[in-house]
């Protein structure tokens, strides 16, 4: 039996999944880890990809959502260590070895997520924004108490004690904080590295943050006091533009003044849009999903991924 299972949820993203598996599968030759793709009802024909990587095990989860797919991957395997990776991520050449090494260092370990562009420069506003703000996993872990599931290492014992991922909320935030509440240690390791593509346009960036705003309310809570806090956070969104503007201007990853201007414009547009969404959630009295049915994790409409 392998020491670890790498669980990869997937929905209609075969090109990126192939890139992920092409980087991952050569690392499985010693048999210490196996890779399991949990397909969430894709309409794409995956037969060529399955033939390309016969070492990979394929499961199907008909219930919608990446949370359900990850849970199915855990339930359908027996290895004592659980490594979570996203289908659109590219693991570093030593990712499996690093995951096996850091698994003993903490109950839950999150790693670095580097953002890269899939189109040639210059970056547009969405890409420039993501270069600055996407996947700040060290900060998430050290200041906010969670790691993204795109690069997460834990054990089956921790998972069983914590419980499964919950759909309909920010499942990475929710699950990690539940694990911490159970007394497990969350830590960051820079040795554990993956790369993730930036969102390539405003539509993709908007869908991502609409989903996260919807799911964020689930973590925040729906009581009157929680909704009041949510409303106050909404009203602070314009202030955050001023706070984070200098971060954009100083960021070394932006190559030109044009990219900085594009990132600043997208920052302002997105924060104001989020204020509108969040205030709508507060006054709607429900979960804030009315009028926002184009996004899920995967619900299923446009492809998902990550933070």
Protein backbone atom coordinates (compact mmCIF):
# COMPACT_ATOMS: atom_id res chain seq x y z
CA UNK A 1 0.00 0.00 0.00
CA UNK A 2 1.38 3.48 -0.81
CA UNK A 3 2.25 5.84 2.03
CA UNK A 4 0.21 8.66 0.51
CA UNK A 5 -2.57 9.37 -1.94
CA UNK A 6 -2.65 12.55 -4.04
CA UNK A 7 -6.28 13.58 -4.55
CA UNK A 8 -7.01 15.77 -7.57
CA UNK A 9 -10.60 16.97 -8.15
CA UNK A 10 -11.39 17.70 -11.77
CA UNK A 11 -14.18 19.15 -13.90
CA UNK A 12 -13.91 19.91 -17.63
CA UNK A 13 -10.32 21.14 -17.55
CA UNK A 14 -8.52 18.38 -19.39
CA UNK A 15 -5.75 20.51 -20.88
CA UNK A 16 -4.62 21.78 -17.49
CA UNK A 17 -5.12 18.36 -15.89
CA UNK A 18 -2.77 16.87 -18.50
CA UNK A 19 -0.17 19.51 -17.64
CA UNK A 20 -0.59 18.69 -13.95
CA UNK A 21 -0.27 14.92 -14.45
CA UNK A 22 2.68 15.27 -16.84
CA UNK A 23 4.55 16.99 -14.00
CA UNK A 24 3.27 14.70 -11.25
CA UNK A 25 3.35 11.16 -12.63
CA UNK A 26 7.15 10.92 -13.11
CA UNK A 27 7.44 11.51 -9.34
CA UNK A 28 5.44 8.35 -8.52
CA UNK A 29 7.96 5.79 -9.74
CA UNK A 30 9.01 4.59 -6.27
CA UNK A 31 5.44 3.63 -5.35
CA UNK A 32 5.32 5.64 -2.11
CA UNK A 33 2.43 7.74 -3.39
CA UNK A 34 -0.45 7.16 -5.78
CA UNK A 35 -2.44 9.74 -7.73
CA UNK A 36 -6.23 9.66 -7.85
CA UNK A 37 -8.25 11.96 -10.10
CA UNK A 38 -11.84 12.40 -8.96
CA UNK A 39 -13.85 13.56 -11.93
CA UNK A 40 -16.91 15.61 -11.06
CA UNK A 41 -19.07 14.67 -14.05
CA UNK A 42 -17.05 16.18 -16.88
CA UNK A 43 -18.52 16.28 -20.35
CA UNK A 44 -15.03 16.24 -21.90
CA UNK A 45 -13.71 12.98 -23.31
CA UNK A 46 -10.87 12.01 -20.96
CA UNK A 47 -10.03 8.64 -22.55
CA UNK A 48 -6.83 9.87 -24.22
CA UNK A 49 -5.62 11.37 -20.95
CA UNK A 50 -6.42 8.18 -19.08
CA UNK A 51 -4.45 6.17 -21.65
CA UNK A 52 -1.55 8.62 -21.40
CA UNK A 53 -1.30 8.05 -17.63
CA UNK A 54 -2.33 4.47 -16.82
CA UNK A 55 -0.63 4.78 -13.40
CA UNK A 56 -3.31 7.21 -12.29
CA UNK A 57 -6.50 5.91 -10.68
CA UNK A 58 -9.75 7.55 -11.77
CA UNK A 59 -12.86 7.91 -9.64
CA UNK A 60 -16.17 9.60 -10.42
CA UNK A 61 -18.20 11.72 -8.03
CA UNK A 62 -21.63 12.73 -9.39
CA UNK A 63 -22.37 15.18 -6.58
CA UNK A 64 -21.43 18.66 -7.69
CA UNK A 65 -18.51 20.56 -6.23
CA UNK A 66 -14.81 20.22 -5.52
CA UNK A 67 -15.56 19.55 -1.84
CA UNK A 68 -17.60 16.47 -2.74
CA UNK A 69 -14.88 15.33 -5.15
CA UNK A 70 -12.17 15.63 -2.51
CA UNK A 71 -14.30 13.77 0.02
CA UNK A 72 -14.87 11.00 -2.51
CA UNK A 73 -11.13 10.76 -3.08
CA UNK A 74 -10.56 10.27 0.64
CA UNK A 75 -13.37 7.72 0.93
CA UNK A 76 -12.15 5.75 -2.08
CA UNK A 77 -8.58 5.32 -0.84
CA UNK A 78 -6.77 3.90 2.19
CA UNK A 79 -3.30 5.50 2.33
CA UNK A 80 -2.49 7.06 5.73
CA UNK A 81 -1.33 10.39 4.27
CA UNK A 82 -3.53 12.67 2.18
CA UNK A 83 -2.07 15.15 -0.29
CA UNK A 84 -4.46 17.58 -2.00
CA UNK A 85 -3.60 19.13 -5.37
CA UNK A 86 -5.75 21.00 -7.89
CA UNK A 87 -6.10 19.93 -11.50
CA UNK A 88 -4.94 23.30 -12.82
CA UNK A 89 -1.80 23.34 -10.67
CA UNK A 90 1.67 22.31 -11.80
CA UNK A 91 3.60 20.62 -8.98
CA UNK A 92 7.32 21.28 -8.68
CA UNK A 93 9.66 18.49 -9.79
CA UNK A 94 10.24 17.49 -6.15
CA UNK A 95 6.69 18.05 -4.92
CA UNK A 96 5.96 14.46 -3.92
CA UNK A 97 9.29 14.07 -2.11
CA UNK A 98 8.72 17.39 -0.32
CA UNK A 99 5.17 16.39 0.64
CA UNK A 100 6.39 13.10 2.10
CA UNK A 101 9.09 14.95 4.02
CA UNK A 102 6.92 17.74 5.46
CA UNK A 103 4.02 15.44 6.31
CA UNK A 104 5.72 14.60 9.58
CA UNK A 105 6.33 18.25 10.52
CA UNK A 106 2.74 19.29 11.22
CA UNK A 107 -0.78 17.92 11.35
CA UNK A 108 -1.78 20.10 8.38
CA UNK A 109 0.84 21.63 6.07
CA UNK A 110 0.26 24.13 3.27
CA UNK A 111 2.86 25.12 0.72
CA UNK A 112 3.75 27.88 -1.70
CA UNK A 113 1.60 28.64 -4.74
CA UNK A 114 3.33 30.63 -7.49
CA UNK A 115 1.16 32.41 -10.05
CA UNK A 116 2.11 32.29 -13.73
CA UNK A 117 0.49 33.63 -16.90
CA UNK A 118 -0.69 31.40 -19.72
CA UNK A 119 -0.50 34.22 -22.29
CA UNK A 120 2.49 36.32 -23.41
CA UNK A 121 3.19 39.74 -21.83
CA UNK A 122 2.16 42.38 -21.12
CA UNK A 123 -0.28 41.34 -18.41
CA UNK A 124 -3.85 42.59 -18.53
CA UNK A 125 -5.60 43.89 -15.42
CA UNK A 126 -6.80 40.50 -14.18
CA UNK A 127 -3.36 38.91 -14.59
CA UNK A 128 -1.59 41.86 -12.98
CA UNK A 129 -4.03 41.81 -10.04
CA UNK A 130 -3.49 38.08 -9.53
CA UNK A 131 0.27 38.50 -9.70
CA UNK A 132 0.04 40.76 -6.65
CA UNK A 133 -2.80 39.25 -4.64
CA UNK A 134 -3.50 35.62 -5.57
CA UNK A 135 -2.50 32.67 -3.40
CA UNK A 136 -0.68 34.38 -0.55
CA UNK A 137 -0.63 31.07 1.24
CA UNK A 138 1.98 31.90 3.87
CA UNK A 139 -0.16 34.84 5.00
CA UNK A 140 -3.31 32.72 4.90
CA UNK A 141 -1.67 30.16 7.17
CA UNK A 142 0.18 32.43 9.58
CA UNK A 143 -2.43 35.20 9.91
CA UNK A 144 -5.80 33.78 8.86
CA UNK A 145 -5.63 30.17 10.00
CA UNK A 146 -6.13 28.25 6.76
CA UNK A 147 -4.32 26.90 3.73
CA UNK A 148 -5.66 26.64 0.21
CA UNK A 149 -6.46 23.08 -0.84
CA UNK A 150 -4.47 23.53 -4.05
CA UNK A 151 -1.34 22.54 -2.09
CA UNK A 152 -2.25 20.86 1.18
CA UNK A 153 -0.78 17.91 3.09
CA UNK A 154 -2.41 16.12 6.02
CA UNK A 155 -3.12 12.62 7.35
CA UNK A 156 -6.16 10.40 7.23
CA UNK A 157 -6.33 10.46 11.03
CA UNK A 158 -6.55 14.27 11.04
CA UNK A 159 -9.14 14.22 8.27
CA UNK A 160 -11.32 11.69 10.05
CA UNK A 161 -11.14 13.63 13.33
CA UNK A 162 -11.91 16.94 11.60
CA UNK A 163 -14.60 15.65 9.29
CA UNK A 164 -15.10 16.05 5.53
CA UNK A 165 -14.99 19.20 3.46
CA UNK A 166 -18.30 21.04 3.62
CA UNK A 167 -19.84 22.20 0.34
CA UNK A 168 -21.36 25.64 0.02
CA UNK A 169 -18.74 27.44 2.11
CA UNK A 170 -15.08 28.32 1.58
CA UNK A 171 -14.16 24.73 2.24
CA UNK A 172 -10.43 25.31 2.67
CA UNK A 173 -11.03 28.02 5.29
CA UNK A 174 -13.76 26.02 7.01
CA UNK A 175 -11.87 22.71 7.07
CA UNK A 176 -8.54 24.12 8.26
CA UNK A 177 -10.16 26.11 11.04
CA UNK A 178 -12.09 23.05 12.17
CA UNK A 179 -8.83 21.10 12.22
CA UNK A 180 -7.21 23.80 14.35
CA UNK A 181 -10.24 23.77 16.68
CA UNK A 182 -9.64 20.04 17.15
CA UNK A 183 -6.12 20.82 18.36
CA UNK A 184 -4.20 20.05 15.18
CA UNK A 185 -1.24 22.19 14.11
CA UNK A 186 -1.33 24.14 10.84
CA UNK A 187 2.02 25.19 9.39
CA UNK A 188 3.54 26.58 6.22
CA UNK A 189 6.40 24.97 4.28
CA UNK A 190 8.16 26.76 1.44
CA UNK A 191 9.59 23.40 0.34
CA UNK A 192 6.15 22.38 -0.92
CA UNK A 193 5.66 24.27 -4.19
CA UNK A 194 3.13 24.34 -6.98
CA UNK A 195 2.34 26.83 -9.75
CA UNK A 196 -1.15 28.03 -10.67
CA UNK A 197 -2.24 30.01 -13.76
CA UNK A 198 -3.53 33.52 -13.26
CA UNK A 199 -7.08 34.37 -14.29
CA UNK A 200 -6.77 35.56 -17.84
CA UNK A 201 -9.57 38.18 -17.96
CA UNK A 202 -12.09 40.12 -15.91
CA UNK A 203 -14.86 37.54 -16.41
CA UNK A 204 -12.77 34.75 -14.83
CA UNK A 205 -11.61 37.00 -12.00
CA UNK A 206 -15.19 38.13 -11.33
CA UNK A 207 -16.47 34.54 -11.21
CA UNK A 208 -13.74 33.59 -8.76
CA UNK A 209 -14.50 36.42 -6.36
CA UNK A 210 -18.25 36.04 -6.69
CA UNK A 211 -17.88 32.42 -5.59
CA UNK A 212 -15.57 33.39 -2.75
CA UNK A 213 -17.97 36.10 -1.60
CA UNK A 214 -20.85 33.63 -1.63
CA UNK A 215 -18.87 31.03 0.27
CA UNK A 216 -17.38 33.61 2.61
CA UNK A 217 -20.80 34.42 3.99
CA UNK A 218 -21.19 30.74 4.88
CA UNK A 219 -18.03 30.87 6.99
CA UNK A 220 -18.96 34.28 8.43
CA UNK A 221 -22.37 33.10 9.63
CA UNK A 222 -25.93 34.26 8.99
CA UNK A 223 -26.99 35.53 12.43
CA UNK A 224 -27.98 39.21 12.71
CA UNK A 225 -24.68 40.02 14.45
CA UNK A 226 -22.68 38.12 11.81
CA UNK A 227 -24.52 39.92 9.02
CA UNK A 228 -23.77 43.25 10.68
CA UNK A 229 -20.06 42.36 10.71
CA UNK A 230 -20.33 41.34 7.06
CA UNK A 231 -21.96 44.65 6.20
CA UNK A 232 -19.23 46.59 7.98
CA UNK A 233 -16.61 44.63 6.06
CA UNK A 234 -18.44 45.54 2.86
CA UNK A 235 -18.29 49.24 3.71
CA UNK A 236 -14.54 48.95 4.25
CA UNK A 237 -13.94 47.71 0.70
CA UNK A 238 -13.36 51.23 -0.71
CA UNK A 239 -10.87 51.89 2.08
CA UNK A 240 -8.99 48.71 1.13
CA UNK A 241 -8.35 50.19 -2.31
CA UNK A 242 -6.33 52.96 -0.68
CA UNK A 243 -4.58 50.54 1.67
CA UNK A 244 -3.56 48.10 -1.05
CA UNK A 245 -2.78 50.61 -3.79
CA UNK A 246 0.81 51.11 -2.56
CA UNK A 247 1.25 47.33 -2.46
CA UNK A 248 0.51 47.26 -6.19
CA UNK A 249 2.87 50.13 -6.94
CA UNK A 250 5.76 48.50 -5.06
CA UNK A 251 5.25 44.93 -6.24
CA UNK A 252 8.39 43.60 -7.96
CA UNK A 253 6.45 41.12 -10.09
CA UNK A 254 4.82 43.83 -12.21
CA UNK A 255 7.07 44.63 -15.14
CA UNK A 256 5.89 48.09 -16.18
CA UNK A 257 3.89 51.16 -15.27
CA UNK A 258 1.21 49.89 -17.65
CA UNK A 259 0.82 46.69 -15.65
CA UNK A 260 0.69 48.65 -12.38
CA UNK A 261 -2.05 50.91 -13.75
CA UNK A 262 -4.00 47.87 -14.95
CA UNK A 263 -3.65 46.20 -11.55
CA UNK A 264 -4.79 49.36 -9.74
CA UNK A 265 -7.85 49.72 -11.99
CA UNK A 266 -8.78 46.08 -11.42
CA UNK A 267 -8.24 46.41 -7.68
CA UNK A 268 -10.68 49.33 -7.52
CA UNK A 269 -13.24 47.68 -9.80
CA UNK A 270 -13.18 44.40 -7.90
CA UNK A 271 -13.35 45.87 -4.39
CA UNK A 272 -16.32 48.07 -5.33
CA UNK A 273 -18.02 45.08 -6.94
CA UNK A 274 -17.47 43.03 -3.80
CA UNK A 275 -18.98 45.80 -1.67
CA UNK A 276 -22.13 45.62 -3.80
CA UNK A 277 -22.29 41.82 -3.55
CA UNK A 278 -21.73 41.80 0.21
CA UNK A 279 -24.33 44.47 0.91
CA UNK A 280 -26.72 42.53 -1.29
CA UNK A 281 -26.12 39.45 0.88
CA UNK A 282 -26.79 41.43 4.05
CA UNK A 283 -30.07 42.90 2.84
CA UNK A 284 -31.25 39.80 0.93
CA UNK A 285 -31.48 37.80 4.15
CA UNK A 286 -30.51 34.57 2.40
CA UNK A 287 -27.13 33.27 1.27
CA UNK A 288 -26.50 36.01 -1.26
CA UNK A 289 -26.80 33.70 -4.26
CA UNK A 290 -29.80 35.35 -5.92
CA UNK A 291 -28.71 36.92 -9.18
CA UNK A 292 -25.34 35.19 -8.85
CA UNK A 293 -25.91 31.81 -10.39
CA UNK A 294 -22.98 31.87 -12.83
CA UNK A 295 -20.46 30.74 -10.23
CA UNK A 296 -19.83 27.79 -7.97
CA UNK A 297 -17.03 25.56 -6.89
CA UNK A 298 -17.96 23.66 -9.31
CA UNK A 299 -21.74 24.15 -9.32
CA UNK A 300 -21.61 23.38 -12.52
CA UNK A 301 -21.21 26.30 -14.82
CA UNK A 302 -17.87 27.91 -15.76
CA UNK A 303 -14.75 26.13 -14.50
CA UNK A 304 -13.70 26.85 -10.99
CA UNK A 305 -10.59 27.05 -9.46
CA UNK A 306 -9.07 28.26 -6.39
CA UNK A 307 -8.26 31.40 -4.38
